[in-house]
Amino acid sequence: MGKLSAPCQAIAQKRVVRWKEGEAYKLICAEDVKRVCRGVDAEDGSLLACLQMHEQDLSLGCYQGLPKGQIQAAN
């Protein structure tokens, strides 16, 4: 990162922050995943789709932590 120009560093930092925010639901929803989406692959979008399909069964924290505006379809 230190080899990038200042404008490139700023852009990269914003994208890393957005990525971390977008992936935070995996930590927030760990207990809900064990309960309603056990065995679902977290890497291909299926986990998010599963949580969205079961949103009525999720804890409030998990529901609120799901990425907004990203409806996933299970593969």
PDB file of N, CA and C in Angstrom:
ATOM      1  N   MET A   1       0.822  -1.186   0.000  1.00  0.00           N
ATOM      2  CA  MET A   1       0.000   0.000   0.000  1.00  0.00           C
ATOM      3  C   MET A   1       0.873   1.259   0.000  1.00  0.00           C
ATOM      4  N   GLY A   2       1.996   1.183   0.690  1.00  0.00           N
ATOM      5  CA  GLY A   2       2.875   2.341   0.789  1.00  0.00           C
ATOM      6  C   GLY A   2       3.479   2.759  -0.532  1.00  0.00           C
ATOM      7  N   LYS A   3       3.483   1.883  -1.519  1.00  0.00           N
ATOM      8  CA  LYS A   3       4.050   2.212  -2.827  1.00  0.00           C
ATOM      9  C   LYS A   3       3.046   2.928  -3.734  1.00  0.00           C
ATOM     10  N   LEU A   4       1.795   2.968  -3.311  1.00  0.00           N
ATOM     11  CA  LEU A   4       0.759   3.639  -4.113  1.00  0.00           C
ATOM     12  C   LEU A   4       0.791   5.134  -3.872  1.00  0.00           C
ATOM     13  N   SER A   5       0.329   5.876  -4.851  1.00  0.00           N
ATOM     14  CA  SER A   5       0.205   7.323  -4.670  1.00  0.00           C
ATOM     15  C   SER A   5      -0.883   7.607  -3.640  1.00  0.00           C
ATOM     16  N   ALA A   6      -0.875   8.795  -3.084  1.00  0.00           N
ATOM     17  CA  ALA A   6      -1.857   9.160  -2.048  1.00  0.00           C
ATOM     18  C   ALA A   6      -3.300   8.977  -2.531  1.00  0.00           C
ATOM     19  N   PRO A   7      -3.655   9.428  -3.748  1.00  0.00           N
ATOM     20  CA  PRO A   7      -5.038   9.213  -4.203  1.00  0.00           C
ATOM     21  C   PRO A   7      -5.402   7.729  -4.329  1.00  0.00           C
ATOM     22  N   CYS A   8      -4.455   6.915  -4.794  1.00  0.00           N
ATOM     23  CA  CYS A   8      -4.715   5.474  -4.907  1.00  0.00           C
ATOM     24  C   CYS A   8      -4.854   4.846  -3.526  1.00  0.00           C
ATOM     25  N   GLN A   9      -4.061   5.279  -2.567  1.00  0.00           N
ATOM     26  CA  GLN A   9      -4.163   4.761  -1.205  1.00  0.00           C
ATOM     27  C   GLN A   9      -5.540   5.065  -0.621  1.00  0.00           C
ATOM     28  N   ALA A  10      -6.041   6.272  -0.871  1.00  0.00           N
ATOM     29  CA  ALA A  10      -7.362   6.655  -0.354  1.00  0.00           C
ATOM     30  C   ALA A  10      -8.454   5.771  -0.946  1.00  0.00           C
ATOM     31  N   ILE A  11      -8.383   5.525  -2.241  1.00  0.00           N
ATOM     32  CA  ILE A  11      -9.379   4.678  -2.909  1.00  0.00           C
ATOM     33  C   ILE A  11      -9.295   3.244  -2.365  1.00  0.00           C
ATOM     34  N   ALA A  12      -8.091   2.725  -2.254  1.00  0.00           N
ATOM     35  CA  ALA A  12      -7.916   1.365  -1.749  1.00  0.00           C
ATOM     36  C   ALA A  12      -8.428   1.247  -0.321  1.00  0.00           C
ATOM     37  N   GLN A  13      -8.152   2.231   0.508  1.00  0.00           N
ATOM     38  CA  GLN A  13      -8.614   2.200   1.894  1.00  0.00           C
ATOM     39  C   GLN A  13     -10.137   2.180   1.964  1.00  0.00           C
ATOM     40  N   LYS A  14     -10.804   2.988   1.154  1.00  0.00           N
ATOM     41  CA  LYS A  14     -12.271   3.011   1.141  1.00  0.00           C
ATOM     42  C   LYS A  14     -12.828   1.653   0.729  1.00  0.00           C
ATOM     43  N   ARG A  15     -12.207   1.024  -0.242  1.00  0.00           N
ATOM     44  CA  ARG A  15     -12.693  -0.279  -0.709  1.00  0.00           C
ATOM     45  C   ARG A  15     -12.475  -1.357   0.337  1.00  0.00           C
ATOM     46  N   VAL A  16     -11.357  -1.308   1.043  1.00  0.00           N
ATOM     47  CA  VAL A  16     -11.103  -2.288   2.103  1.00  0.00           C
ATOM     48  C   VAL A  16     -12.132  -2.109   3.208  1.00  0.00           C
ATOM     49  N   VAL A  17     -12.428  -0.891   3.596  1.00  0.00           N
ATOM     50  CA  VAL A  17     -13.417  -0.623   4.639  1.00  0.00           C
ATOM     51  C   VAL A  17     -14.780  -1.126   4.192  1.00  0.00           C
ATOM     52  N   ARG A  18     -15.178  -0.849   2.955  1.00  0.00           N
ATOM     53  CA  ARG A  18     -16.468  -1.334   2.456  1.00  0.00           C
ATOM     54  C   ARG A  18     -16.514  -2.841   2.439  1.00  0.00           C
ATOM     55  N   TRP A  19     -15.406  -3.498   2.052  1.00  0.00           N
ATOM     56  CA  TRP A  19     -15.377  -4.952   2.023  1.00  0.00           C
ATOM     57  C   TRP A  19     -15.548  -5.500   3.430  1.00  0.00           C
ATOM     58  N   LYS A  20     -14.831  -4.933   4.395  1.00  0.00           N
ATOM     59  CA  LYS A  20     -14.943  -5.405   5.774  1.00  0.00           C
ATOM     60  C   LYS A  20     -16.348  -5.214   6.296  1.00  0.00           C
ATOM     61  N   GLU A  21     -16.966  -4.064   5.990  1.00  0.00           N
ATOM     62  CA  GLU A  21     -18.343  -3.822   6.431  1.00  0.00           C
ATOM     63  C   GLU A  21     -19.290  -4.817   5.782  1.00  0.00           C
ATOM     64  N   GLY A  22     -19.073  -5.113   4.515  1.00  0.00           N
ATOM     65  CA  GLY A  22     -19.938  -6.041   3.801  1.00  0.00           C
ATOM     66  C   GLY A  22     -19.816  -7.475   4.278  1.00  0.00           C
ATOM     67  N   GLU A  23     -18.695  -7.836   4.847  1.00  0.00           N
ATOM     68  CA  GLU A  23     -18.458  -9.185   5.327  1.00  0.00           C
ATOM     69  C   GLU A  23     -18.717  -9.338   6.827  1.00  0.00           C
ATOM     70  N   ALA A  24     -18.971  -8.246   7.521  1.00  0.00           N
ATOM     71  CA  ALA A  24     -19.135  -8.274   8.979  1.00  0.00           C
ATOM     72  C   ALA A  24     -20.315  -9.145   9.407  1.00  0.00           C
ATOM     73  N   TYR A  25     -21.306  -9.296   8.560  1.00  0.00           N
ATOM     74  CA  TYR A  25     -22.481 -10.090   8.933  1.00  0.00           C
ATOM     75  C   TYR A  25     -22.095 -11.526   9.276  1.00  0.00           C
ATOM     76  N   LYS A  26     -21.012 -12.033   8.701  1.00  0.00           N
ATOM     77  CA  LYS A  26     -20.596 -13.412   8.987  1.00  0.00           C
ATOM     78  C   LYS A  26     -20.244 -13.574  10.461  1.00  0.00           C
ATOM     79  N   LEU A  27     -19.649 -12.563  11.051  1.00  0.00           N
ATOM     80  CA  LEU A  27     -19.321 -12.614  12.473  1.00  0.00           C
ATOM     81  C   LEU A  27     -20.552 -12.345  13.321  1.00  0.00           C
ATOM     82  N   ILE A  28     -21.302 -11.329  12.948  1.00  0.00           N
ATOM     83  CA  ILE A  28     -22.487 -10.938  13.716  1.00  0.00           C
ATOM     84  C   ILE A  28     -23.512 -12.069  13.740  1.00  0.00           C
ATOM     85  N   CYS A  29     -23.617 -12.806  12.664  1.00  0.00           N
ATOM     86  CA  CYS A  29     -24.658 -13.827  12.519  1.00  0.00           C
ATOM     87  C   CYS A  29     -24.168 -15.243  12.807  1.00  0.00           C
ATOM     88  N   ALA A  30     -23.019 -15.395  13.431  1.00  0.00           N
ATOM     89  CA  ALA A  30     -22.439 -16.727  13.621  1.00  0.00           C
ATOM     90  C   ALA A  30     -23.414 -17.696  14.300  1.00  0.00           C
ATOM     91  N   GLU A  31     -24.099 -17.258  15.340  1.00  0.00           N
ATOM     92  CA  GLU A  31     -25.039 -18.148  16.035  1.00  0.00           C
ATOM     93  C   GLU A  31     -26.261 -18.451  15.174  1.00  0.00           C
ATOM     94  N   ASP A  32     -26.743 -17.454  14.444  1.00  0.00           N
ATOM     95  CA  ASP A  32     -27.890 -17.666  13.555  1.00  0.00           C
ATOM     96  C   ASP A  32     -27.531 -18.633  12.431  1.00  0.00           C
ATOM     97  N   VAL A  33     -26.302 -18.541  11.920  1.00  0.00           N
ATOM     98  CA  VAL A  33     -25.851 -19.449  10.862  1.00  0.00           C
ATOM     99  C   VAL A  33     -25.879 -20.887  11.375  1.00  0.00           C
ATOM    100  N   LYS A  34     -25.385 -21.101  12.590  1.00  0.00           N
ATOM    101  CA  LYS A  34     -25.404 -22.448  13.166  1.00  0.00           C
ATOM    102  C   LYS A  34     -26.830 -22.970  13.304  1.00  0.00           C
ATOM    103  N   ARG A  35     -27.748 -22.073  13.569  1.00  0.00           N
ATOM    104  CA  ARG A  35     -29.132 -22.472  13.825  1.00  0.00           C
ATOM    105  C   ARG A  35     -29.929 -22.674  12.541  1.00  0.00           C
ATOM    106  N   VAL A  36     -29.835 -21.754  11.587  1.00  0.00           N
ATOM    107  CA  VAL A  36     -30.724 -21.823  10.408  1.00  0.00           C
ATOM    108  C   VAL A  36     -30.017 -22.093   9.080  1.00  0.00           C
ATOM    109  N   CYS A  37     -28.691 -21.961   9.030  1.00  0.00           N
ATOM    110  CA  CYS A  37     -27.980 -22.150   7.756  1.00  0.00           C
ATOM    111  C   CYS A  37     -26.760 -23.060   7.914  1.00  0.00           C
ATOM    112  N   ARG A  38     -26.870 -24.023   8.790  1.00  0.00           N
ATOM    113  CA  ARG A  38     -25.764 -24.949   9.047  1.00  0.00           C
ATOM    114  C   ARG A  38     -25.353 -25.637   7.745  1.00  0.00           C
ATOM    115  N   GLY A  39     -24.052 -25.652   7.488  1.00  0.00           N
ATOM    116  CA  GLY A  39     -23.518 -26.361   6.327  1.00  0.00           C
ATOM    117  C   GLY A  39     -23.560 -25.586   5.022  1.00  0.00           C
ATOM    118  N   VAL A  40     -24.049 -24.366   5.040  1.00  0.00           N
ATOM    119  CA  VAL A  40     -24.117 -23.557   3.814  1.00  0.00           C
ATOM    120  C   VAL A  40     -22.754 -22.920   3.570  1.00  0.00           C
ATOM    121  N   ASP A  41     -22.282 -22.942   2.335  1.00  0.00           N
ATOM    122  CA  ASP A  41     -20.979 -22.387   1.966  1.00  0.00           C
ATOM    123  C   ASP A  41     -21.002 -20.869   2.099  1.00  0.00           C
ATOM    124  N   ALA A  42     -20.044 -20.336   2.848  1.00  0.00           N
ATOM    125  CA  ALA A  42     -19.987 -18.895   3.085  1.00  0.00           C
ATOM    126  C   ALA A  42     -19.295 -18.139   1.961  1.00  0.00           C
ATOM    127  N   GLU A  43     -18.627 -18.817   1.070  1.00  0.00           N
ATOM    128  CA  GLU A  43     -17.786 -18.138   0.094  1.00  0.00           C
ATOM    129  C   GLU A  43     -18.462 -17.817  -1.235  1.00  0.00           C
ATOM    130  N   ASP A  44     -19.549 -18.437  -1.568  1.00  0.00           N
ATOM    131  CA  ASP A  44     -20.118 -18.231  -2.906  1.00  0.00           C
ATOM    132  C   ASP A  44     -21.419 -17.431  -2.902  1.00  0.00           C
ATOM    133  N   GLY A  45     -21.741 -16.793  -1.791  1.00  0.00           N
ATOM    134  CA  GLY A  45     -22.968 -16.006  -1.718  1.00  0.00           C
ATOM    135  C   GLY A  45     -24.161 -16.789  -1.190  1.00  0.00           C
ATOM    136  N   SER A  46     -24.009 -18.091  -1.049  1.00  0.00           N
ATOM    137  CA  SER A  46     -25.125 -18.912  -0.580  1.00  0.00           C
ATOM    138  C   SER A  46     -25.494 -18.625   0.871  1.00  0.00           C
ATOM    139  N   LEU A  47     -24.497 -18.285   1.685  1.00  0.00           N
ATOM    140  CA  LEU A  47     -24.773 -17.999   3.093  1.00  0.00           C
ATOM    141  C   LEU A  47     -25.649 -16.763   3.228  1.00  0.00           C
ATOM    142  N   LEU A  48     -25.300 -15.712   2.528  1.00  0.00           N
ATOM    143  CA  LEU A  48     -26.108 -14.497   2.576  1.00  0.00           C
ATOM    144  C   LEU A  48     -27.516 -14.772   2.060  1.00  0.00           C
ATOM    145  N   ALA A  49     -27.632 -15.546   0.991  1.00  0.00           N
ATOM    146  CA  ALA A  49     -28.952 -15.893   0.456  1.00  0.00           C
ATOM    147  C   ALA A  49     -29.758 -16.682   1.480  1.00  0.00           C
ATOM    148  N   CYS A  50     -29.103 -17.608   2.176  1.00  0.00           N
ATOM    149  CA  CYS A  50     -29.789 -18.402   3.189  1.00  0.00           C
ATOM    150  C   CYS A  50     -30.298 -17.508   4.318  1.00  0.00           C
ATOM    151  N   LEU A  51     -29.454 -16.617   4.796  1.00  0.00           N
ATOM    152  CA  LEU A  51     -29.867 -15.719   5.874  1.00  0.00           C
ATOM    153  C   LEU A  51     -31.027 -14.828   5.427  1.00  0.00           C
ATOM    154  N   GLN A  52     -30.966 -14.354   4.196  1.00  0.00           N
ATOM    155  CA  GLN A  52     -32.051 -13.515   3.685  1.00  0.00           C
ATOM    156  C   GLN A  52     -33.348 -14.308   3.573  1.00  0.00           C
ATOM    157  N   MET A  53     -33.257 -15.588   3.197  1.00  0.00           N
ATOM    158  CA  MET A  53     -34.463 -16.418   3.094  1.00  0.00           C
ATOM    159  C   MET A  53     -35.089 -16.670   4.460  1.00  0.00           C
ATOM    160  N   HIS A  54     -34.274 -16.672   5.505  1.00  0.00           N
ATOM    161  CA  HIS A  54     -34.749 -16.967   6.857  1.00  0.00           C
ATOM    162  C   HIS A  54     -34.755 -15.723   7.743  1.00  0.00           C
ATOM    163  N   GLU A  55     -34.912 -14.556   7.153  1.00  0.00           N
ATOM    164  CA  GLU A  55     -34.773 -13.330   7.940  1.00  0.00           C
ATOM    165  C   GLU A  55     -35.745 -13.246   9.111  1.00  0.00           C
ATOM    166  N   GLN A  56     -36.912 -13.875   9.021  1.00  0.00           N
ATOM    167  CA  GLN A  56     -37.865 -13.845  10.146  1.00  0.00           C
ATOM    168  C   GLN A  56     -37.361 -14.660  11.330  1.00  0.00           C
ATOM    169  N   ASP A  57     -36.439 -15.571  11.089  1.00  0.00           N
ATOM    170  CA  ASP A  57     -35.917 -16.446  12.138  1.00  0.00           C
ATOM    171  C   ASP A  57     -34.608 -15.939  12.747  1.00  0.00           C
ATOM    172  N   LEU A  58     -34.106 -14.815  12.269  1.00  0.00           N
ATOM    173  CA  LEU A  58     -32.810 -14.309  12.713  1.00  0.00           C
ATOM    174  C   LEU A  58     -32.931 -13.460  13.967  1.00  0.00           C
ATOM    175  N   SER A  59     -31.826 -13.400  14.712  1.00  0.00           N
ATOM    176  CA  SER A  59     -31.769 -12.474  15.838  1.00  0.00           C
ATOM    177  C   SER A  59     -31.790 -11.047  15.286  1.00  0.00           C
ATOM    178  N   LEU A  60     -32.177 -10.113  16.111  1.00  0.00           N
ATOM    179  CA  LEU A  60     -32.262  -8.717  15.676  1.00  0.00           C
ATOM    180  C   LEU A  60     -30.893  -8.202  15.227  1.00  0.00           C
ATOM    181  N   GLY A  61     -29.851  -8.535  15.982  1.00  0.00           N
ATOM    182  CA  GLY A  61     -28.510  -8.075  15.625  1.00  0.00           C
ATOM    183  C   GLY A  61     -28.062  -8.589  14.274  1.00  0.00           C
ATOM    184  N   CYS A  62     -28.337  -9.855  14.009  1.00  0.00           N
ATOM    185  CA  CYS A  62     -27.975 -10.443  12.726  1.00  0.00           C
ATOM    186  C   CYS A  62     -28.765  -9.770  11.603  1.00  0.00           C
ATOM    187  N   TYR A  63     -30.054  -9.654  11.784  1.00  0.00           N
ATOM    188  CA  TYR A  63     -30.900  -9.032  10.756  1.00  0.00           C
ATOM    189  C   TYR A  63     -30.403  -7.628  10.439  1.00  0.00           C
ATOM    190  N   GLN A  64     -30.091  -6.860  11.472  1.00  0.00           N
ATOM    191  CA  GLN A  64     -29.630  -5.485  11.265  1.00  0.00           C
ATOM    192  C   GLN A  64     -28.231  -5.443  10.658  1.00  0.00           C
ATOM    193  N   GLY A  65     -27.435  -6.510  10.847  1.00  0.00           N
ATOM    194  CA  GLY A  65     -26.085  -6.550  10.318  1.00  0.00           C
ATOM    195  C   GLY A  65     -25.967  -7.027   8.891  1.00  0.00           C
ATOM    196  N   LEU A  66     -27.065  -7.530   8.326  1.00  0.00           N
ATOM    197  CA  LEU A  66     -27.012  -7.989   6.936  1.00  0.00           C
ATOM    198  C   LEU A  66     -26.750  -6.815   6.005  1.00  0.00           C
ATOM    199  N   PRO A  67     -25.950  -7.045   4.954  1.00  0.00           N
ATOM    200  CA  PRO A  67     -25.707  -5.975   3.988  1.00  0.00           C
ATOM    201  C   PRO A  67     -27.013  -5.485   3.381  1.00  0.00           C
ATOM    202  N   LYS A  68     -27.173  -4.201   3.300  1.00  0.00           N
ATOM    203  CA  LYS A  68     -28.388  -3.618   2.738  1.00  0.00           C
ATOM    204  C   LYS A  68     -28.235  -3.448   1.229  1.00  0.00           C
ATOM    205  N   GLY A  69     -29.285  -3.718   0.520  1.00  0.00           N
ATOM    206  CA  GLY A  69     -29.298  -3.527  -0.927  1.00  0.00           C
ATOM    207  C   GLY A  69     -28.535  -4.599  -1.692  1.00  0.00           C
ATOM    208  N   GLN A  70     -28.296  -5.745  -1.050  1.00  0.00           N
ATOM    209  CA  GLN A  70     -27.587  -6.824  -1.718  1.00  0.00           C
ATOM    210  C   GLN A  70     -28.403  -8.097  -1.614  1.00  0.00           C
ATOM    211  N   ILE A  71     -29.388  -8.222  -2.408  1.00  0.00           N
ATOM    212  CA  ILE A  71     -30.177  -9.449  -2.418  1.00  0.00           C
ATOM    213  C   ILE A  71     -29.397 -10.499  -3.185  1.00  0.00           C
ATOM    214  N   GLN A  72     -29.172 -11.629  -2.540  1.00  0.00           N
ATOM    215  CA  GLN A  72     -28.416 -12.721  -3.157  1.00  0.00           C
ATOM    216  C   GLN A  72     -29.372 -13.831  -3.549  1.00  0.00           C
ATOM    217  N   ALA A  73     -29.096 -14.455  -4.638  1.00  0.00           N
ATOM    218  CA  ALA A  73     -29.854 -15.630  -5.059  1.00  0.00           C
ATOM    219  C   ALA A  73     -28.977 -16.846  -4.863  1.00  0.00           C
ATOM    220  N   ALA A  74     -29.540 -17.879  -4.281  1.00  0.00           N
ATOM    221  CA  ALA A  74     -28.748 -19.110  -4.090  1.00  0.00           C
ATOM    222  C   ALA A  74     -28.435 -19.705  -5.453  1.00  0.00           C
ATOM    223  N   ASN A  75     -27.232 -20.260  -5.563  1.00  0.00           N
ATOM    224  CA  ASN A  75     -26.807 -20.851  -6.838  1.00  0.00           C
ATOM    225  C   ASN A  75     -27.473 -22.170  -7.059  1.00  0.00           C
TER     226      ASN A  75
END
